[in-house]
């Protein structure tokens, strides 16, 4: 799970393996596989970094 910040400053935990797409509108619209979406403050690059970091923790590899 990755922690992202909604536009109202509430944090939301998302299952990164269920993210289908990230649209930039200019905030980030995270579209989930079930069709729901979340508007978040993090950039696409930040979302990617958080996903890589999380996957590294659960799969025991380290990004350098």
C-alpha atoms as a PDB file:
ATOM      1  CA  UNK A   1       0.000   0.000   0.000  1.00  0.00           C
ATOM      2  CA  UNK A   2       1.234   3.494  -0.778  1.00  0.00           C
ATOM      3  CA  UNK A   3       0.222   6.689   1.038  1.00  0.00           C
ATOM      4  CA  UNK A   4      -1.007   9.555  -1.149  1.00  0.00           C
ATOM      5  CA  UNK A   5      -2.553  12.926  -0.283  1.00  0.00           C
ATOM      6  CA  UNK A   6      -5.988  13.877  -1.574  1.00  0.00           C
ATOM      7  CA  UNK A   7      -6.667  17.499  -2.549  1.00  0.00           C
ATOM      8  CA  UNK A   8      -8.399  18.116   0.810  1.00  0.00           C
ATOM      9  CA  UNK A   9      -5.137  17.077   2.573  1.00  0.00           C
ATOM     10  CA  UNK A  10      -6.537  13.729   3.739  1.00  0.00           C
ATOM     11  CA  UNK A  11      -4.191  10.811   3.314  1.00  0.00           C
ATOM     12  CA  UNK A  12      -5.349   7.725   1.463  1.00  0.00           C
ATOM     13  CA  UNK A  13      -3.719   4.281   1.288  1.00  0.00           C
ATOM     14  CA  UNK A  14      -3.889   2.707  -2.159  1.00  0.00           C
ATOM     15  CA  UNK A  15      -2.965  -0.754  -3.342  1.00  0.00           C
ATOM     16  CA  UNK A  16      -0.333   0.121  -5.927  1.00  0.00           C
ATOM     17  CA  UNK A  17      -0.849  -3.152  -7.786  1.00  0.00           C
ATOM     18  CA  UNK A  18      -4.437  -2.062  -8.523  1.00  0.00           C
ATOM     19  CA  UNK A  19      -3.486   1.237 -10.198  1.00  0.00           C
ATOM     20  CA  UNK A  20      -4.450   1.143 -13.860  1.00  0.00           C
ATOM     21  CA  UNK A  21      -3.360   4.639 -14.936  1.00  0.00           C
ATOM     22  CA  UNK A  22      -2.295   8.065 -13.710  1.00  0.00           C
ATOM     23  CA  UNK A  23      -3.672  11.036 -15.622  1.00  0.00           C
ATOM     24  CA  UNK A  24      -2.157  14.504 -15.195  1.00  0.00           C
ATOM     25  CA  UNK A  25      -4.880  17.190 -15.218  1.00  0.00           C
ATOM     26  CA  UNK A  26      -2.674  19.096 -13.673  1.00  0.00           C
ATOM     27  CA  UNK A  27      -3.093  17.250 -10.368  1.00  0.00           C
ATOM     28  CA  UNK A  28      -2.716  13.488 -10.574  1.00  0.00           C
ATOM     29  CA  UNK A  29      -5.834  11.422 -11.199  1.00  0.00           C
ATOM     30  CA  UNK A  30      -5.082   7.867 -10.069  1.00  0.00           C
ATOM     31  CA  UNK A  31      -7.443   5.472 -11.862  1.00  0.00           C
ATOM     32  CA  UNK A  32      -7.891   2.093 -10.204  1.00  0.00           C
ATOM     33  CA  UNK A  33      -8.679  -1.192 -11.962  1.00  0.00           C
ATOM     34  CA  UNK A  34     -12.227  -1.148 -10.537  1.00  0.00           C
ATOM     35  CA  UNK A  35     -12.906   2.205 -12.243  1.00  0.00           C
ATOM     36  CA  UNK A  36     -12.722   4.349  -9.111  1.00  0.00           C
ATOM     37  CA  UNK A  37     -10.287   7.236  -9.129  1.00  0.00           C
ATOM     38  CA  UNK A  38      -8.536   9.528  -6.669  1.00  0.00           C
ATOM     39  CA  UNK A  39      -7.305  13.077  -7.227  1.00  0.00           C
ATOM     40  CA  UNK A  40      -4.016  13.452  -5.374  1.00  0.00           C
ATOM     41  CA  UNK A  41      -1.351  16.107  -4.866  1.00  0.00           C
ATOM     42  CA  UNK A  42       1.635  13.869  -5.651  1.00  0.00           C
ATOM     43  CA  UNK A  43       3.157  14.016  -9.121  1.00  0.00           C
ATOM     44  CA  UNK A  44       3.329  10.983 -11.392  1.00  0.00           C
ATOM     45  CA  UNK A  45       7.040  10.697 -10.586  1.00  0.00           C
ATOM     46  CA  UNK A  46       6.321  10.650  -6.839  1.00  0.00           C
ATOM     47  CA  UNK A  47       3.665   7.963  -7.291  1.00  0.00           C
ATOM     48  CA  UNK A  48       6.103   5.862  -9.328  1.00  0.00           C
ATOM     49  CA  UNK A  49       8.823   6.305  -6.676  1.00  0.00           C
ATOM     50  CA  UNK A  50       6.450   5.306  -3.871  1.00  0.00           C
ATOM     51  CA  UNK A  51       5.373   2.229  -5.851  1.00  0.00           C
ATOM     52  CA  UNK A  52       8.979   1.190  -6.516  1.00  0.00           C
ATOM     53  CA  UNK A  53       9.865   1.709  -2.845  1.00  0.00           C
ATOM     54  CA  UNK A  54       6.866  -0.346  -1.687  1.00  0.00           C
ATOM     55  CA  UNK A  55       7.563  -3.152  -4.175  1.00  0.00           C
ATOM     56  CA  UNK A  56      11.182  -3.201  -3.035  1.00  0.00           C
ATOM     57  CA  UNK A  57      10.054  -3.732   0.545  1.00  0.00           C
ATOM     58  CA  UNK A  58       7.729  -6.612  -0.253  1.00  0.00           C
ATOM     59  CA  UNK A  59       9.979  -8.263  -2.851  1.00  0.00           C
ATOM     60  CA  UNK A  60      13.253  -7.601  -0.987  1.00  0.00           C
ATOM     61  CA  UNK A  61      15.151  -5.659  -3.627  1.00  0.00           C
ATOM     62  CA  UNK A  62      16.746  -2.244  -3.411  1.00  0.00           C
ATOM     63  CA  UNK A  63      16.595   0.450  -6.090  1.00  0.00           C
ATOM     64  CA  UNK A  64      19.854   2.392  -6.468  1.00  0.00           C
END
